[in-house]
Amino acid sequence: MSDYDLLSSNDTSLDLIFPSKSTGSWTDLTNANMTLTIQQSGTINFYGLGTCLISVSQYGAVNDVVVGTFSGTLVSFSDTVKITEGTFSAKRMD
């Protein structure tokens, strides 16, 4: 994908990072991280860590699923986004 395609698309990406390959709960104070990128009409807005809580209730084998919840406050240079009651279920790749 070229830079032009990336900037002209409308897309949202939420990245959750936690420091273990197991179930549990982590906060921004225990090496968890959450970022949000929103691309809309040629503009990219990036929101980084303010605070977060990531809880993993299921951590399957490779090609199985990782399931959990997340919440937090993300900040950019000019805006704040509060996320509550977020859920995820994703295929484990590694």
Foldseek 3Di string as FASTA:
>chain_A
DDPVVVQQDWDKDKDWDDDDQFFDKDKVVRVIWIKMWTHDRRDIFIWTDDMKMWGWPDRDDQQAKTWTWMWHWTDGPPDIDTGPGGIDIDGHHD
